[in-house]
C-alpha atoms as a PDB file:
ATOM      1  CA  UNK A   1       0.000   0.000   0.000  1.00  0.00           C
ATOM      2  CA  UNK A   2       1.535   3.301  -1.068  1.00  0.00           C
ATOM      3  CA  UNK A   3       0.936   6.129   1.416  1.00  0.00           C
ATOM      4  CA  UNK A   4       2.187   9.654   1.974  1.00  0.00           C
ATOM      5  CA  UNK A   5       4.830  10.109   4.635  1.00  0.00           C
ATOM      6  CA  UNK A   6       6.457  13.226   6.121  1.00  0.00           C
ATOM      7  CA  UNK A   7      10.031  13.261   7.325  1.00  0.00           C
ATOM      8  CA  UNK A   8      12.938  15.587   8.056  1.00  0.00           C
ATOM      9  CA  UNK A   9      16.616  15.384   7.074  1.00  0.00           C
ATOM     10  CA  UNK A  10      17.649  17.507  10.063  1.00  0.00           C
ATOM     11  CA  UNK A  11      17.910  20.727   8.086  1.00  0.00           C
ATOM     12  CA  UNK A  12      14.692  22.298   9.360  1.00  0.00           C
ATOM     13  CA  UNK A  13      12.849  20.750   6.455  1.00  0.00           C
ATOM     14  CA  UNK A  14       9.698  18.658   6.147  1.00  0.00           C
ATOM     15  CA  UNK A  15       9.651  16.467   3.060  1.00  0.00           C
ATOM     16  CA  UNK A  16       6.630  14.585   1.755  1.00  0.00           C
ATOM     17  CA  UNK A  17       7.392  11.291   0.068  1.00  0.00           C
ATOM     18  CA  UNK A  18       5.579   8.134  -0.975  1.00  0.00           C
ATOM     19  CA  UNK A  19       6.213   5.129   1.255  1.00  0.00           C
ATOM     20  CA  UNK A  20       5.373   1.573   0.270  1.00  0.00           C
ATOM     21  CA  UNK A  21       3.760   0.489   3.544  1.00  0.00           C
ATOM     22  CA  UNK A  22       3.792  -3.290   3.982  1.00  0.00           C
ATOM     23  CA  UNK A  23       0.655  -5.244   4.804  1.00  0.00           C
ATOM     24  CA  UNK A  24       0.151  -5.740   8.568  1.00  0.00           C
ATOM     25  CA  UNK A  25       1.733  -8.895   9.957  1.00  0.00           C
ATOM     26  CA  UNK A  26      -0.314 -11.454  11.861  1.00  0.00           C
ATOM     27  CA  UNK A  27       0.238  -9.638  15.178  1.00  0.00           C
ATOM     28  CA  UNK A  28      -0.247  -6.093  13.809  1.00  0.00           C
ATOM     29  CA  UNK A  29      -3.010  -3.672  13.003  1.00  0.00           C
ATOM     30  CA  UNK A  30      -3.094  -1.052  10.274  1.00  0.00           C
ATOM     31  CA  UNK A  31      -3.886   2.454  11.516  1.00  0.00           C
ATOM     32  CA  UNK A  32      -4.993   5.572   9.655  1.00  0.00           C
ATOM     33  CA  UNK A  33      -3.379   8.570  11.352  1.00  0.00           C
ATOM     34  CA  UNK A  34      -5.653  11.148  12.983  1.00  0.00           C
ATOM     35  CA  UNK A  35      -3.365  13.030  15.414  1.00  0.00           C
ATOM     36  CA  UNK A  36       0.388  12.869  16.000  1.00  0.00           C
ATOM     37  CA  UNK A  37       2.058  14.684  18.874  1.00  0.00           C
ATOM     38  CA  UNK A  38       5.375  16.447  18.286  1.00  0.00           C
ATOM     39  CA  UNK A  39       7.798  15.659  21.088  1.00  0.00           C
ATOM     40  CA  UNK A  40      11.055  17.412  21.913  1.00  0.00           C
ATOM     41  CA  UNK A  41      13.134  14.704  20.216  1.00  0.00           C
ATOM     42  CA  UNK A  42      11.150  15.231  16.985  1.00  0.00           C
ATOM     43  CA  UNK A  43      11.899  18.968  17.201  1.00  0.00           C
ATOM     44  CA  UNK A  44      15.583  18.319  17.919  1.00  0.00           C
ATOM     45  CA  UNK A  45      15.778  15.978  14.923  1.00  0.00           C
ATOM     46  CA  UNK A  46      14.182  18.653  12.730  1.00  0.00           C
ATOM     47  CA  UNK A  47      16.683  21.189  14.067  1.00  0.00           C
ATOM     48  CA  UNK A  48      19.662  18.911  13.446  1.00  0.00           C
ATOM     49  CA  UNK A  49      20.629  18.592  17.121  1.00  0.00           C
ATOM     50  CA  UNK A  50      19.463  14.969  17.459  1.00  0.00           C
ATOM     51  CA  UNK A  51      20.345  11.948  15.339  1.00  0.00           C
ATOM     52  CA  UNK A  52      18.217  11.885  12.180  1.00  0.00           C
ATOM     53  CA  UNK A  53      16.319   8.601  12.190  1.00  0.00           C
ATOM     54  CA  UNK A  54      15.275   6.763   9.012  1.00  0.00           C
ATOM     55  CA  UNK A  55      12.107   8.267   7.585  1.00  0.00           C
ATOM     56  CA  UNK A  56      10.121   5.091   8.323  1.00  0.00           C
ATOM     57  CA  UNK A  57      10.583   5.541  12.090  1.00  0.00           C
ATOM     58  CA  UNK A  58       9.979   9.266  12.558  1.00  0.00           C
ATOM     59  CA  UNK A  59       7.045  10.209  14.774  1.00  0.00           C
ATOM     60  CA  UNK A  60       5.707   8.058  17.615  1.00  0.00           C
ATOM     61  CA  UNK A  61       2.954   9.860  19.616  1.00  0.00           C
ATOM     62  CA  UNK A  62      -0.130   8.831  17.703  1.00  0.00           C
ATOM     63  CA  UNK A  63      -3.891   8.436  17.636  1.00  0.00           C
ATOM     64  CA  UNK A  64      -5.553   6.754  14.673  1.00  0.00           C
ATOM     65  CA  UNK A  65      -8.397   4.640  13.362  1.00  0.00           C
ATOM     66  CA  UNK A  66      -7.967   0.894  12.903  1.00  0.00           C
ATOM     67  CA  UNK A  67      -8.383   0.088   9.205  1.00  0.00           C
ATOM     68  CA  UNK A  68      -7.119  -3.509   8.995  1.00  0.00           C
ATOM     69  CA  UNK A  69      -6.339  -6.405  11.355  1.00  0.00           C
ATOM     70  CA  UNK A  70      -3.605  -8.995  11.186  1.00  0.00           C
ATOM     71  CA  UNK A  71      -4.796 -12.590  11.451  1.00  0.00           C
ATOM     72  CA  UNK A  72      -4.055 -12.852  15.201  1.00  0.00           C
ATOM     73  CA  UNK A  73      -4.946  -9.334  16.259  1.00  0.00           C
ATOM     74  CA  UNK A  74      -8.679  -9.606  16.932  1.00  0.00           C
ATOM     75  CA  UNK A  75      -8.254 -12.537  19.316  1.00  0.00           C
ATOM     76  CA  UNK A  76      -5.147 -11.276  21.114  1.00  0.00           C
ATOM     77  CA  UNK A  77      -6.108  -7.697  21.866  1.00  0.00           C
ATOM     78  CA  UNK A  78      -9.494  -7.882  23.562  1.00  0.00           C
ATOM     79  CA  UNK A  79     -11.620  -7.832  20.451  1.00  0.00           C
ATOM     80  CA  UNK A  80     -10.128  -4.771  18.763  1.00  0.00           C
ATOM     81  CA  UNK A  81     -11.987  -4.187  15.514  1.00  0.00           C
ATOM     82  CA  UNK A  82     -11.832  -2.111  12.353  1.00  0.00           C
ATOM     83  CA  UNK A  83     -13.116   1.401  13.062  1.00  0.00           C
ATOM     84  CA  UNK A  84     -11.856   1.528  16.666  1.00  0.00           C
ATOM     85  CA  UNK A  85      -9.806   4.544  17.734  1.00  0.00           C
ATOM     86  CA  UNK A  86      -6.431   3.660  19.247  1.00  0.00           C
ATOM     87  CA  UNK A  87      -3.536   5.498  20.843  1.00  0.00           C
ATOM     88  CA  UNK A  88      -0.280   3.942  19.694  1.00  0.00           C
ATOM     89  CA  UNK A  89       3.406   3.937  20.499  1.00  0.00           C
ATOM     90  CA  UNK A  90       5.163   3.221  17.270  1.00  0.00           C
ATOM     91  CA  UNK A  91       6.487   4.469  13.990  1.00  0.00           C
ATOM     92  CA  UNK A  92       6.113   6.078  11.540  1.00  0.00           C
ATOM     93  CA  UNK A  93       3.714   8.472  13.229  1.00  0.00           C
ATOM     94  CA  UNK A  94       4.193  11.015  10.462  1.00  0.00           C
ATOM     95  CA  UNK A  95       2.545   8.839   7.792  1.00  0.00           C
ATOM     96  CA  UNK A  96      -1.060   8.720   6.573  1.00  0.00           C
ATOM     97  CA  UNK A  97      -1.168   4.995   7.461  1.00  0.00           C
ATOM     98  CA  UNK A  98       1.187   2.727   9.412  1.00  0.00           C
ATOM     99  CA  UNK A  99       1.271  -0.687  11.109  1.00  0.00           C
ATOM    100  CA  UNK A 100       1.749  -1.288  14.820  1.00  0.00           C
ATOM    101  CA  UNK A 101       1.973  -4.575  16.778  1.00  0.00           C
ATOM    102  CA  UNK A 102      -0.002  -5.982  19.675  1.00  0.00           C
ATOM    103  CA  UNK A 103       1.372  -4.499  22.891  1.00  0.00           C
ATOM    104  CA  UNK A 104       1.848  -1.031  21.434  1.00  0.00           C
ATOM    105  CA  UNK A 105      -1.705   0.327  21.284  1.00  0.00           C
ATOM    106  CA  UNK A 106      -4.653   1.049  23.553  1.00  0.00           C
ATOM    107  CA  UNK A 107      -8.259   1.602  22.538  1.00  0.00           C
ATOM    108  CA  UNK A 108      -9.492   5.094  23.452  1.00  0.00           C
ATOM    109  CA  UNK A 109     -12.924   6.683  23.503  1.00  0.00           C
ATOM    110  CA  UNK A 110     -12.218   9.624  21.222  1.00  0.00           C
ATOM    111  CA  UNK A 111      -9.625  11.126  18.910  1.00  0.00           C
ATOM    112  CA  UNK A 112      -8.712  13.999  21.214  1.00  0.00           C
ATOM    113  CA  UNK A 113      -5.209  15.322  22.026  1.00  0.00           C
ATOM    114  CA  UNK A 114      -5.793  14.349  25.659  1.00  0.00           C
ATOM    115  CA  UNK A 115      -5.686  10.724  24.536  1.00  0.00           C
ATOM    116  CA  UNK A 116      -2.305  10.968  22.812  1.00  0.00           C
ATOM    117  CA  UNK A 117      -1.107   8.545  25.462  1.00  0.00           C
ATOM    118  CA  UNK A 118       2.515   7.800  24.558  1.00  0.00           C
ATOM    119  CA  UNK A 119       4.031  10.882  26.259  1.00  0.00           C
ATOM    120  CA  UNK A 120       1.731  10.440  29.263  1.00  0.00           C
ATOM    121  CA  UNK A 121       2.816   6.815  29.533  1.00  0.00           C
ATOM    122  CA  UNK A 122       6.461   7.960  29.356  1.00  0.00           C
ATOM    123  CA  UNK A 123       5.866  10.075  32.455  1.00  0.00           C
ATOM    124  CA  UNK A 124       4.153   7.202  34.252  1.00  0.00           C
ATOM    125  CA  UNK A 125       6.983   4.836  33.288  1.00  0.00           C
ATOM    126  CA  UNK A 126       9.545   7.252  34.715  1.00  0.00           C
ATOM    127  CA  UNK A 127       7.535   7.755  37.906  1.00  0.00           C
ATOM    128  CA  UNK A 128       7.198   4.004  38.442  1.00  0.00           C
ATOM    129  CA  UNK A 129      10.974   3.643  38.404  1.00  0.00           C
ATOM    130  CA  UNK A 130      11.274   5.311  41.834  1.00  0.00           C
ATOM    131  CA  UNK A 131       8.149   3.963  43.509  1.00  0.00           C
ATOM    132  CA  UNK A 132       8.247   1.698  46.550  1.00  0.00           C
ATOM    133  CA  UNK A 133       6.540   1.494  49.950  1.00  0.00           C
ATOM    134  CA  UNK A 134       8.282   4.621  51.287  1.00  0.00           C
ATOM    135  CA  UNK A 135       5.780   7.387  50.564  1.00  0.00           C
ATOM    136  CA  UNK A 136       7.795   9.877  52.634  1.00  0.00           C
ATOM    137  CA  UNK A 137      10.797   9.965  50.296  1.00  0.00           C
ATOM    138  CA  UNK A 138      11.995  13.339  49.024  1.00  0.00           C
ATOM    139  CA  UNK A 139      11.697  13.648  45.246  1.00  0.00           C
ATOM    140  CA  UNK A 140      13.425  16.155  42.988  1.00  0.00           C
ATOM    141  CA  UNK A 141      12.321  16.739  39.395  1.00  0.00           C
ATOM    142  CA  UNK A 142      14.625  18.716  37.094  1.00  0.00           C
ATOM    143  CA  UNK A 143      12.250  20.105  34.484  1.00  0.00           C
ATOM    144  CA  UNK A 144       8.803  21.630  34.819  1.00  0.00           C
ATOM    145  CA  UNK A 145       7.051  20.943  31.508  1.00  0.00           C
ATOM    146  CA  UNK A 146       4.840  18.175  30.128  1.00  0.00           C
ATOM    147  CA  UNK A 147       6.706  15.159  31.518  1.00  0.00           C
ATOM    148  CA  UNK A 148       7.301  16.795  34.898  1.00  0.00           C
ATOM    149  CA  UNK A 149       3.611  17.579  35.258  1.00  0.00           C
ATOM    150  CA  UNK A 150       2.616  13.988  34.424  1.00  0.00           C
ATOM    151  CA  UNK A 151       5.224  12.535  36.807  1.00  0.00           C
ATOM    152  CA  UNK A 152       4.056  14.811  39.610  1.00  0.00           C
ATOM    153  CA  UNK A 153       0.363  14.039  39.045  1.00  0.00           C
ATOM    154  CA  UNK A 154       1.045  10.306  38.998  1.00  0.00           C
ATOM    155  CA  UNK A 155       3.234  10.239  42.096  1.00  0.00           C
ATOM    156  CA  UNK A 156       0.814  12.476  43.981  1.00  0.00           C
ATOM    157  CA  UNK A 157      -2.050  10.179  42.978  1.00  0.00           C
ATOM    158  CA  UNK A 158      -0.051   7.311  44.504  1.00  0.00           C
ATOM    159  CA  UNK A 159       0.510   9.050  47.849  1.00  0.00           C
ATOM    160  CA  UNK A 160       3.825  10.904  47.570  1.00  0.00           C
ATOM    161  CA  UNK A 161       3.912  14.439  48.917  1.00  0.00           C
ATOM    162  CA  UNK A 162       7.483  15.766  49.187  1.00  0.00           C
ATOM    163  CA  UNK A 163       8.514  17.353  45.880  1.00  0.00           C
ATOM    164  CA  UNK A 164      11.123  19.862  44.761  1.00  0.00           C
ATOM    165  CA  UNK A 165      10.829  21.002  41.144  1.00  0.00           C
ATOM    166  CA  UNK A 166      13.557  22.899  39.286  1.00  0.00           C
ATOM    167  CA  UNK A 167      12.614  24.702  36.089  1.00  0.00           C
ATOM    168  CA  UNK A 168      11.188  27.741  34.348  1.00  0.00           C
ATOM    169  CA  UNK A 169       7.952  26.645  32.676  1.00  0.00           C
ATOM    170  CA  UNK A 170       4.468  26.619  34.219  1.00  0.00           C
ATOM    171  CA  UNK A 171       5.679  28.739  37.125  1.00  0.00           C
ATOM    172  CA  UNK A 172       2.164  29.812  38.131  1.00  0.00           C
ATOM    173  CA  UNK A 173       1.041  26.192  38.334  1.00  0.00           C
ATOM    174  CA  UNK A 174       3.978  24.947  40.380  1.00  0.00           C
ATOM    175  CA  UNK A 175       3.867  27.829  42.833  1.00  0.00           C
ATOM    176  CA  UNK A 176       0.279  26.987  43.750  1.00  0.00           C
ATOM    177  CA  UNK A 177       1.052  23.313  44.445  1.00  0.00           C
ATOM    178  CA  UNK A 178       1.223  23.112  48.241  1.00  0.00           C
ATOM    179  CA  UNK A 179       3.392  19.979  48.304  1.00  0.00           C
ATOM    180  CA  UNK A 180       5.971  21.356  45.855  1.00  0.00           C
ATOM    181  CA  UNK A 181       9.010  23.481  46.593  1.00  0.00           C
ATOM    182  CA  UNK A 182       9.398  25.167  43.193  1.00  0.00           C
ATOM    183  CA  UNK A 183      12.808  26.660  42.453  1.00  0.00           C
ATOM    184  CA  UNK A 184      13.126  28.737  39.293  1.00  0.00           C
ATOM    185  CA  UNK A 185      16.245  27.420  37.645  1.00  0.00           C
ATOM    186  CA  UNK A 186      18.159  27.467  34.367  1.00  0.00           C
ATOM    187  CA  UNK A 187      21.802  27.307  35.434  1.00  0.00           C
ATOM    188  CA  UNK A 188      24.439  24.636  35.866  1.00  0.00           C
ATOM    189  CA  UNK A 189      24.131  23.898  39.568  1.00  0.00           C
ATOM    190  CA  UNK A 190      21.059  23.275  41.673  1.00  0.00           C
ATOM    191  CA  UNK A 191      20.250  24.861  44.979  1.00  0.00           C
ATOM    192  CA  UNK A 192      19.430  21.858  47.129  1.00  0.00           C
ATOM    193  CA  UNK A 193      17.869  24.356  49.512  1.00  0.00           C
ATOM    194  CA  UNK A 194      16.555  22.736  52.693  1.00  0.00           C
ATOM    195  CA  UNK A 195      17.614  19.265  51.552  1.00  0.00           C
ATOM    196  CA  UNK A 196      21.314  19.690  52.185  1.00  0.00           C
ATOM    197  CA  UNK A 197      21.848  15.937  52.216  1.00  0.00           C
ATOM    198  CA  UNK A 198      20.318  15.499  48.778  1.00  0.00           C
ATOM    199  CA  UNK A 199      17.180  13.676  47.688  1.00  0.00           C
ATOM    200  CA  UNK A 200      15.926  10.126  47.974  1.00  0.00           C
ATOM    201  CA  UNK A 201      14.957  10.211  44.288  1.00  0.00           C
ATOM    202  CA  UNK A 202      16.348  12.572  41.658  1.00  0.00           C
ATOM    203  CA  UNK A 203      14.526  12.605  38.296  1.00  0.00           C
ATOM    204  CA  UNK A 204      16.625  14.423  35.702  1.00  0.00           C
ATOM    205  CA  UNK A 205      14.528  15.361  32.661  1.00  0.00           C
ATOM    206  CA  UNK A 206      17.171  17.702  31.275  1.00  0.00           C
ATOM    207  CA  UNK A 207      19.716  16.998  28.554  1.00  0.00           C
ATOM    208  CA  UNK A 208      22.417  18.647  30.668  1.00  0.00           C
ATOM    209  CA  UNK A 209      25.162  16.248  31.770  1.00  0.00           C
ATOM    210  CA  UNK A 210      26.473  18.135  34.792  1.00  0.00           C
ATOM    211  CA  UNK A 211      23.865  16.959  37.277  1.00  0.00           C
ATOM    212  CA  UNK A 212      25.321  13.442  37.227  1.00  0.00           C
ATOM    213  CA  UNK A 213      28.627  14.861  38.466  1.00  0.00           C
ATOM    214  CA  UNK A 214      27.128  16.317  41.649  1.00  0.00           C
ATOM    215  CA  UNK A 215      25.936  14.910  44.960  1.00  0.00           C
ATOM    216  CA  UNK A 216      22.207  15.487  44.644  1.00  0.00           C
ATOM    217  CA  UNK A 217      21.213  11.969  45.696  1.00  0.00           C
ATOM    218  CA  UNK A 218      21.261  10.560  49.215  1.00  0.00           C
ATOM    219  CA  UNK A 219      22.924   7.293  50.136  1.00  0.00           C
ATOM    220  CA  UNK A 220      20.697   4.399  48.972  1.00  0.00           C
ATOM    221  CA  UNK A 221      18.812   6.811  46.715  1.00  0.00           C
ATOM    222  CA  UNK A 222      17.903   6.667  43.019  1.00  0.00           C
ATOM    223  CA  UNK A 223      19.098   8.784  40.108  1.00  0.00           C
ATOM    224  CA  UNK A 224      16.758   8.624  37.096  1.00  0.00           C
ATOM    225  CA  UNK A 225      18.102   9.497  33.654  1.00  0.00           C
ATOM    226  CA  UNK A 226      14.914  10.869  32.106  1.00  0.00           C
ATOM    227  CA  UNK A 227      16.346  12.342  28.890  1.00  0.00           C
ATOM    228  CA  UNK A 228      19.190  11.665  26.481  1.00  0.00           C
ATOM    229  CA  UNK A 229      22.493  13.123  27.571  1.00  0.00           C
ATOM    230  CA  UNK A 230      26.195  12.620  26.920  1.00  0.00           C
ATOM    231  CA  UNK A 231      28.264  12.670  30.108  1.00  0.00           C
ATOM    232  CA  UNK A 232      32.041  12.900  29.790  1.00  0.00           C
ATOM    233  CA  UNK A 233      34.527  11.684  32.400  1.00  0.00           C
ATOM    234  CA  UNK A 234      31.888  10.466  34.843  1.00  0.00           C
ATOM    235  CA  UNK A 235      33.331   8.993  38.041  1.00  0.00           C
ATOM    236  CA  UNK A 236      30.985   6.298  39.310  1.00  0.00           C
ATOM    237  CA  UNK A 237      32.742   6.045  42.668  1.00  0.00           C
ATOM    238  CA  UNK A 238      30.097   8.030  44.549  1.00  0.00           C
ATOM    239  CA  UNK A 239      27.294   5.943  43.062  1.00  0.00           C
ATOM    240  CA  UNK A 240      29.140   2.784  44.121  1.00  0.00           C
ATOM    241  CA  UNK A 241      30.206   3.869  47.601  1.00  0.00           C
ATOM    242  CA  UNK A 242      26.805   5.290  48.490  1.00  0.00           C
ATOM    243  CA  UNK A 243      24.741   2.521  46.876  1.00  0.00           C
ATOM    244  CA  UNK A 244      22.957   4.928  44.517  1.00  0.00           C
ATOM    245  CA  UNK A 245      20.883   3.217  41.852  1.00  0.00           C
ATOM    246  CA  UNK A 246      20.891   4.660  38.319  1.00  0.00           C
ATOM    247  CA  UNK A 247      17.775   3.974  36.288  1.00  0.00           C
ATOM    248  CA  UNK A 248      17.107   4.660  32.604  1.00  0.00           C
ATOM    249  CA  UNK A 249      13.373   4.099  32.037  1.00  0.00           C
ATOM    250  CA  UNK A 250      12.215   4.159  28.418  1.00  0.00           C
ATOM    251  CA  UNK A 251       9.366   2.933  26.209  1.00  0.00           C
ATOM    252  CA  UNK A 252      11.503  -0.150  25.470  1.00  0.00           C
ATOM    253  CA  UNK A 253      10.370  -1.405  28.872  1.00  0.00           C
ATOM    254  CA  UNK A 254       8.243  -4.497  28.107  1.00  0.00           C
ATOM    255  CA  UNK A 255       5.794  -3.255  30.739  1.00  0.00           C
ATOM    256  CA  UNK A 256       5.310   0.048  28.883  1.00  0.00           C
ATOM    257  CA  UNK A 257       1.948  -1.059  27.453  1.00  0.00           C
ATOM    258  CA  UNK A 258       0.642  -1.229  31.033  1.00  0.00           C
ATOM    259  CA  UNK A 259       1.708   2.400  31.501  1.00  0.00           C
ATOM    260  CA  UNK A 260      -0.338   3.248  28.393  1.00  0.00           C
ATOM    261  CA  UNK A 261      -3.352   1.360  29.727  1.00  0.00           C
ATOM    262  CA  UNK A 262      -3.009   3.132  33.075  1.00  0.00           C
ATOM    263  CA  UNK A 263      -2.579   6.484  31.304  1.00  0.00           C
ATOM    264  CA  UNK A 264      -5.883   6.008  29.470  1.00  0.00           C
ATOM    265  CA  UNK A 265      -7.729   5.319  32.708  1.00  0.00           C
ATOM    266  CA  UNK A 266      -6.151   8.169  34.683  1.00  0.00           C
ATOM    267  CA  UNK A 267      -6.691  10.704  31.900  1.00  0.00           C
ATOM    268  CA  UNK A 268     -10.317   9.594  31.555  1.00  0.00           C
ATOM    269  CA  UNK A 269     -10.873   9.980  35.320  1.00  0.00           C
ATOM    270  CA  UNK A 270      -9.049  13.314  35.491  1.00  0.00           C
ATOM    271  CA  UNK A 271      -6.366  11.985  37.849  1.00  0.00           C
ATOM    272  CA  UNK A 272      -3.732  13.076  35.328  1.00  0.00           C
ATOM    273  CA  UNK A 273      -4.709  16.404  33.815  1.00  0.00           C
ATOM    274  CA  UNK A 274      -3.351  16.927  30.305  1.00  0.00           C
ATOM    275  CA  UNK A 275      -5.923  19.141  28.556  1.00  0.00           C
ATOM    276  CA  UNK A 276      -3.991  22.273  29.493  1.00  0.00           C
ATOM    277  CA  UNK A 277      -0.679  20.748  28.354  1.00  0.00           C
ATOM    278  CA  UNK A 278      -1.653  20.403  24.686  1.00  0.00           C
ATOM    279  CA  UNK A 279      -1.576  23.476  22.492  1.00  0.00           C
ATOM    280  CA  UNK A 280      -2.160  24.059  18.795  1.00  0.00           C
ATOM    281  CA  UNK A 281      -3.069  21.483  16.180  1.00  0.00           C
ATOM    282  CA  UNK A 282      -1.674  21.905  12.654  1.00  0.00           C
ATOM    283  CA  UNK A 283      -2.940  20.371   9.432  1.00  0.00           C
ATOM    284  CA  UNK A 284      -0.502  17.845   7.957  1.00  0.00           C
ATOM    285  CA  UNK A 285       0.092  20.239   5.042  1.00  0.00           C
ATOM    286  CA  UNK A 286       1.340  22.859   7.539  1.00  0.00           C
ATOM    287  CA  UNK A 287       3.546  20.502   9.562  1.00  0.00           C
ATOM    288  CA  UNK A 288       6.651  22.624   9.020  1.00  0.00           C
ATOM    289  CA  UNK A 289       4.934  25.561  10.704  1.00  0.00           C
ATOM    290  CA  UNK A 290       4.280  23.382  13.750  1.00  0.00           C
ATOM    291  CA  UNK A 291       7.979  22.528  14.084  1.00  0.00           C
ATOM    292  CA  UNK A 292       9.105  26.111  13.456  1.00  0.00           C
ATOM    293  CA  UNK A 293       6.716  27.440  16.098  1.00  0.00           C
ATOM    294  CA  UNK A 294       8.163  25.055  18.666  1.00  0.00           C
ATOM    295  CA  UNK A 295      11.706  26.178  17.861  1.00  0.00           C
ATOM    296  CA  UNK A 296      10.961  29.898  17.883  1.00  0.00           C
ATOM    297  CA  UNK A 297       8.945  29.684  21.089  1.00  0.00           C
ATOM    298  CA  UNK A 298       5.602  30.696  19.632  1.00  0.00           C
ATOM    299  CA  UNK A 299       4.100  27.401  20.788  1.00  0.00           C
ATOM    300  CA  UNK A 300       5.008  26.967  24.432  1.00  0.00           C
ATOM    301  CA  UNK A 301       2.644  24.046  24.888  1.00  0.00           C
ATOM    302  CA  UNK A 302       3.087  20.708  23.148  1.00  0.00           C
ATOM    303  CA  UNK A 303       1.574  20.844  19.666  1.00  0.00           C
ATOM    304  CA  UNK A 304       0.396  18.170  17.242  1.00  0.00           C
ATOM    305  CA  UNK A 305      -0.415  17.390  13.627  1.00  0.00           C
ATOM    306  CA  UNK A 306      -3.914  16.543  12.404  1.00  0.00           C
ATOM    307  CA  UNK A 307      -4.256  14.100   9.502  1.00  0.00           C
ATOM    308  CA  UNK A 308      -7.979  13.500   8.989  1.00  0.00           C
ATOM    309  CA  UNK A 309     -10.504  16.299   8.707  1.00  0.00           C
END
């Protein structure tokens, strides 16, 4: 099946090409794109600051309509049928149609940006990496945007109440959260403030490498690498001597589909609030404008592409 596909070469360009999409395998469904979220890695790829992926795997935050089932799909995914609306984690999200396997999609009630579940599930997956029975642990989040908001909502929903957030975005929101110590921050070193001994859990959503060189985590604590970063000359002695666990949660986690399922339920119930985190939608023919507006700061909120009128 020949379909239209958008991709970038990393030169702030959006190119439309024809892609020969294969038929769905036995464990796959075929999806017609309706909405595709634009994440920060997509923007960085467009800007040439992130590795340019092959065109067939660009875009991954999707909602679409099921148009075809593989031979095993109907039985193995709770009766999914043609015409259902699904949120998917898979590529290429910037194509008119694509295939995605069982374990990478969740049925949703409507094709609304609030049900673009992949980035919400990313936040849940990160939050789960620090969760245990100790609800009193001190938690730092470096970053204050989409992922930080989801992580905070999820951890709060699960009983945690001691948060310090470092960042610049959504200042009004964070300063009204009574269980959050919000510290406006954009520099190289963090003010650990009242937590002079560091934090029990440190979730680093920045691409800055320097935070791994500093003692922000308590003995027996957890350091979460929540975004790609290159760290030169890192001495792991402190992590070893103080029994600090480093975690790198990602959608490659085989349990990630459960984070998507949980995301759908929590968004539906309003336990994770994402309506105010999604901004403008752009027609697929104006996709370049969507990327440019993220780079130039016109779109502060996360934006998305619409494929079907």
